[in-house]
Every structure is written in structure tokens, then in C-alpha cells.
């Protein structure tokens, strides 16, 4: 069972990035999927969450209108499109899969750095 994030990197303020989280060893279709982030010296925080069917989406206030979470259950992948990036978006971004039974999985994280 594995979640692998990709797509992070260095981007200038105002730029965009798309993160991907590919699952293997299980199918995400019955899992709520989330993106979290953790900046240096700060606690990990929820960025966005999408329900298993995709009908319920939640964003942190700090990213509303700039980030979009989506999922492709056929490709077993969840995405985070990030636009209008700010220096305060700099963090390690983690993908999480959560099943209503209480089972959850985390990825290893991908670094996003927003700097000029």
C-alpha cells in the first residue's frame, strides 16, 4: 500500500503548480482523499479534502479560490491544482487517504517552495 506525491518544486509568487498523489496497493474509490501541508515550525494542517464520490469538497480558508482538489478514480490518483501561489504556501504537502472504517494512509510528502 503506497501513496506517492509528485509535482512539487520551486515556483515564483503568483505561479502555479499541480501536485499528484498516485495510490497503489488499494483503490481510492472508497476513500476520502485529502491534502495536508506542514511548514517549518508549524503543525500539519488540512488544505483540501474530497469525498470518495467527489461530491463533497472542503478547502481551508487560506487557499479558497486559489487551489482546486480533484480525483480520478480510474487512474487511482488525486490532484491539487495550486494557483496564485504565495510565499506562505511554502510547505511539505502530504496526501492522505481515509476510509470510514478508520483506516488511513499517508504519502511521504512533496516540497513546495514559493520564492522569488
C-alpha atoms as a PDB file:
ATOM      1  CA  UNK A   1       0.000   0.000   0.000  1.00  0.00           C
ATOM      2  CA  UNK A   2       1.506   3.293  -1.055  1.00  0.00           C
ATOM      3  CA  UNK A   3       0.691   6.918  -1.760  1.00  0.00           C
ATOM      4  CA  UNK A   4       3.275   8.783  -3.806  1.00  0.00           C
ATOM      5  CA  UNK A   5       3.113  12.545  -4.199  1.00  0.00           C
ATOM      6  CA  UNK A   6       4.797  14.369  -7.055  1.00  0.00           C
ATOM      7  CA  UNK A   7       4.784  17.753  -8.750  1.00  0.00           C
ATOM      8  CA  UNK A   8       6.346  19.869  -6.040  1.00  0.00           C
ATOM      9  CA  UNK A   9       9.177  22.279  -6.646  1.00  0.00           C
ATOM     10  CA  UNK A  10      10.288  25.889  -6.609  1.00  0.00           C
ATOM     11  CA  UNK A  11       7.909  28.471  -8.059  1.00  0.00           C
ATOM     12  CA  UNK A  12       7.757  32.258  -8.028  1.00  0.00           C
ATOM     13  CA  UNK A  13       4.977  34.098  -6.199  1.00  0.00           C
ATOM     14  CA  UNK A  14       1.882  34.204  -8.361  1.00  0.00           C
ATOM     15  CA  UNK A  15       2.843  30.994 -10.120  1.00  0.00           C
ATOM     16  CA  UNK A  16       1.107  27.644 -10.327  1.00  0.00           C
ATOM     17  CA  UNK A  17       1.845  24.010  -9.603  1.00  0.00           C
ATOM     18  CA  UNK A  18      -0.137  20.804  -9.862  1.00  0.00           C
ATOM     19  CA  UNK A  19       0.502  18.120  -7.310  1.00  0.00           C
ATOM     20  CA  UNK A  20      -0.387  14.496  -7.949  1.00  0.00           C
ATOM     21  CA  UNK A  21      -0.879  11.670  -5.499  1.00  0.00           C
ATOM     22  CA  UNK A  22      -0.826   8.201  -7.021  1.00  0.00           C
ATOM     23  CA  UNK A  23      -2.114   5.276  -4.981  1.00  0.00           C
ATOM     24  CA  UNK A  24      -1.016   1.679  -5.298  1.00  0.00           C
ATOM     25  CA  UNK A  25      -1.988  -1.441  -3.426  1.00  0.00           C
ATOM     26  CA  UNK A  26      -5.531  -0.246  -2.877  1.00  0.00           C
ATOM     27  CA  UNK A  27      -8.236   1.611  -4.791  1.00  0.00           C
ATOM     28  CA  UNK A  28      -9.066   5.141  -3.748  1.00  0.00           C
ATOM     29  CA  UNK A  29     -12.675   4.989  -4.917  1.00  0.00           C
ATOM     30  CA  UNK A  30     -13.952   4.183  -1.416  1.00  0.00           C
ATOM     31  CA  UNK A  31     -11.655   6.632   0.341  1.00  0.00           C
ATOM     32  CA  UNK A  32     -11.978  10.289   1.145  1.00  0.00           C
ATOM     33  CA  UNK A  33      -8.782  11.930  -0.088  1.00  0.00           C
ATOM     34  CA  UNK A  34      -7.081  14.942   1.433  1.00  0.00           C
ATOM     35  CA  UNK A  35      -4.083  17.197   1.010  1.00  0.00           C
ATOM     36  CA  UNK A  36      -2.293  18.474   4.109  1.00  0.00           C
ATOM     37  CA  UNK A  37       0.743  20.680   4.448  1.00  0.00           C
ATOM     38  CA  UNK A  38       3.334  21.350   7.084  1.00  0.00           C
ATOM     39  CA  UNK A  39       5.556  24.398   7.115  1.00  0.00           C
ATOM     40  CA  UNK A  40       8.762  24.522   9.189  1.00  0.00           C
ATOM     41  CA  UNK A  41       7.959  25.020  12.859  1.00  0.00           C
ATOM     42  CA  UNK A  42       4.226  24.677  12.307  1.00  0.00           C
ATOM     43  CA  UNK A  43       1.674  21.936  12.765  1.00  0.00           C
ATOM     44  CA  UNK A  44       0.376  19.943   9.853  1.00  0.00           C
ATOM     45  CA  UNK A  45      -2.829  21.490   8.530  1.00  0.00           C
ATOM     46  CA  UNK A  46      -5.624  20.387   6.248  1.00  0.00           C
ATOM     47  CA  UNK A  47      -5.529  22.109   2.867  1.00  0.00           C
ATOM     48  CA  UNK A  48      -8.327  20.382   0.961  1.00  0.00           C
ATOM     49  CA  UNK A  49     -10.491  17.284   1.134  1.00  0.00           C
ATOM     50  CA  UNK A  50     -12.661  15.499  -1.405  1.00  0.00           C
ATOM     51  CA  UNK A  51     -15.180  12.779  -0.621  1.00  0.00           C
ATOM     52  CA  UNK A  52     -14.946   9.328  -2.154  1.00  0.00           C
ATOM     53  CA  UNK A  53     -17.537  10.170  -4.789  1.00  0.00           C
ATOM     54  CA  UNK A  54     -16.196  13.652  -5.370  1.00  0.00           C
ATOM     55  CA  UNK A  55     -19.424  15.361  -4.394  1.00  0.00           C
ATOM     56  CA  UNK A  56     -18.208  16.978  -1.181  1.00  0.00           C
ATOM     57  CA  UNK A  57     -15.163  19.246  -1.227  1.00  0.00           C
ATOM     58  CA  UNK A  58     -13.697  21.313   1.567  1.00  0.00           C
ATOM     59  CA  UNK A  59     -10.907  23.896   1.468  1.00  0.00           C
ATOM     60  CA  UNK A  60      -9.003  25.712   4.145  1.00  0.00           C
ATOM     61  CA  UNK A  61      -9.897  29.399   4.137  1.00  0.00           C
ATOM     62  CA  UNK A  62      -6.302  30.278   3.293  1.00  0.00           C
ATOM     63  CA  UNK A  63      -6.473  28.508  -0.089  1.00  0.00           C
ATOM     64  CA  UNK A  64     -10.097  29.020  -1.172  1.00  0.00           C
ATOM     65  CA  UNK A  65     -10.324  30.397  -4.671  1.00  0.00           C
ATOM     66  CA  UNK A  66      -6.678  29.526  -5.414  1.00  0.00           C
ATOM     67  CA  UNK A  67      -6.442  25.747  -5.004  1.00  0.00           C
ATOM     68  CA  UNK A  68      -8.572  23.026  -6.578  1.00  0.00           C
ATOM     69  CA  UNK A  69      -8.669  19.398  -5.476  1.00  0.00           C
ATOM     70  CA  UNK A  70      -9.820  16.716  -7.875  1.00  0.00           C
ATOM     71  CA  UNK A  71      -9.681  12.962  -8.218  1.00  0.00           C
ATOM     72  CA  UNK A  72      -9.554  10.373 -10.962  1.00  0.00           C
ATOM     73  CA  UNK A  73     -10.690   7.069  -9.522  1.00  0.00           C
ATOM     74  CA  UNK A  74      -9.836   5.270 -12.772  1.00  0.00           C
ATOM     75  CA  UNK A  75      -6.240   6.457 -12.579  1.00  0.00           C
ATOM     76  CA  UNK A  76      -6.279   5.956  -8.801  1.00  0.00           C
ATOM     77  CA  UNK A  77      -4.890   9.463  -8.415  1.00  0.00           C
ATOM     78  CA  UNK A  78      -5.831  12.677  -6.648  1.00  0.00           C
ATOM     79  CA  UNK A  79      -4.634  16.127  -7.681  1.00  0.00           C
ATOM     80  CA  UNK A  80      -4.139  19.545  -6.166  1.00  0.00           C
ATOM     81  CA  UNK A  81      -4.026  22.417  -8.633  1.00  0.00           C
ATOM     82  CA  UNK A  82      -2.423  25.409  -6.938  1.00  0.00           C
ATOM     83  CA  UNK A  83      -2.574  28.880  -8.457  1.00  0.00           C
ATOM     84  CA  UNK A  84      -1.666  32.388  -7.336  1.00  0.00           C
ATOM     85  CA  UNK A  85       0.881  30.875  -5.016  1.00  0.00           C
ATOM     86  CA  UNK A  86       2.184  32.906  -2.095  1.00  0.00           C
ATOM     87  CA  UNK A  87       5.352  32.557  -0.021  1.00  0.00           C
ATOM     88  CA  UNK A  88       3.188  31.405   2.882  1.00  0.00           C
ATOM     89  CA  UNK A  89       2.148  28.378   0.819  1.00  0.00           C
ATOM     90  CA  UNK A  90       5.694  27.067   1.212  1.00  0.00           C
ATOM     91  CA  UNK A  91       5.479  23.686   2.953  1.00  0.00           C
ATOM     92  CA  UNK A  92       5.754  19.961   2.546  1.00  0.00           C
ATOM     93  CA  UNK A  93       2.485  18.765   1.045  1.00  0.00           C
ATOM     94  CA  UNK A  94       1.119  15.360   2.043  1.00  0.00           C
ATOM     95  CA  UNK A  95      -1.610  13.217   0.592  1.00  0.00           C
ATOM     96  CA  UNK A  96      -3.907  11.212   2.862  1.00  0.00           C
ATOM     97  CA  UNK A  97      -6.472   8.523   2.153  1.00  0.00           C
ATOM     98  CA  UNK A  98      -9.175   7.961   4.764  1.00  0.00           C
ATOM     99  CA  UNK A  99     -11.735   5.160   4.891  1.00  0.00           C
ATOM    100  CA  UNK A 100     -14.884   5.424   7.022  1.00  0.00           C
ATOM    101  CA  UNK A 101     -13.769   2.269   8.886  1.00  0.00           C
ATOM    102  CA  UNK A 102     -10.929   4.335  10.337  1.00  0.00           C
ATOM    103  CA  UNK A 103      -8.172   3.027   8.121  1.00  0.00           C
ATOM    104  CA  UNK A 104      -5.916   5.709   6.669  1.00  0.00           C
ATOM    105  CA  UNK A 105      -2.726   6.016   4.638  1.00  0.00           C
ATOM    106  CA  UNK A 106      -0.247   8.864   4.206  1.00  0.00           C
ATOM    107  CA  UNK A 107       2.226   9.697   1.489  1.00  0.00           C
ATOM    108  CA  UNK A 108       5.822  10.732   2.088  1.00  0.00           C
ATOM    109  CA  UNK A 109       5.277  14.356   1.069  1.00  0.00           C
ATOM    110  CA  UNK A 110       6.490  16.684  -1.643  1.00  0.00           C
ATOM    111  CA  UNK A 111       8.180  20.036  -1.058  1.00  0.00           C
ATOM    112  CA  UNK A 112       6.618  23.200  -2.421  1.00  0.00           C
ATOM    113  CA  UNK A 113       8.686  26.375  -2.170  1.00  0.00           C
ATOM    114  CA  UNK A 114       7.289  29.723  -3.258  1.00  0.00           C
ATOM    115  CA  UNK A 115      10.036  32.288  -3.543  1.00  0.00           C
ATOM    116  CA  UNK A 116      11.419  34.884  -5.897  1.00  0.00           C
END
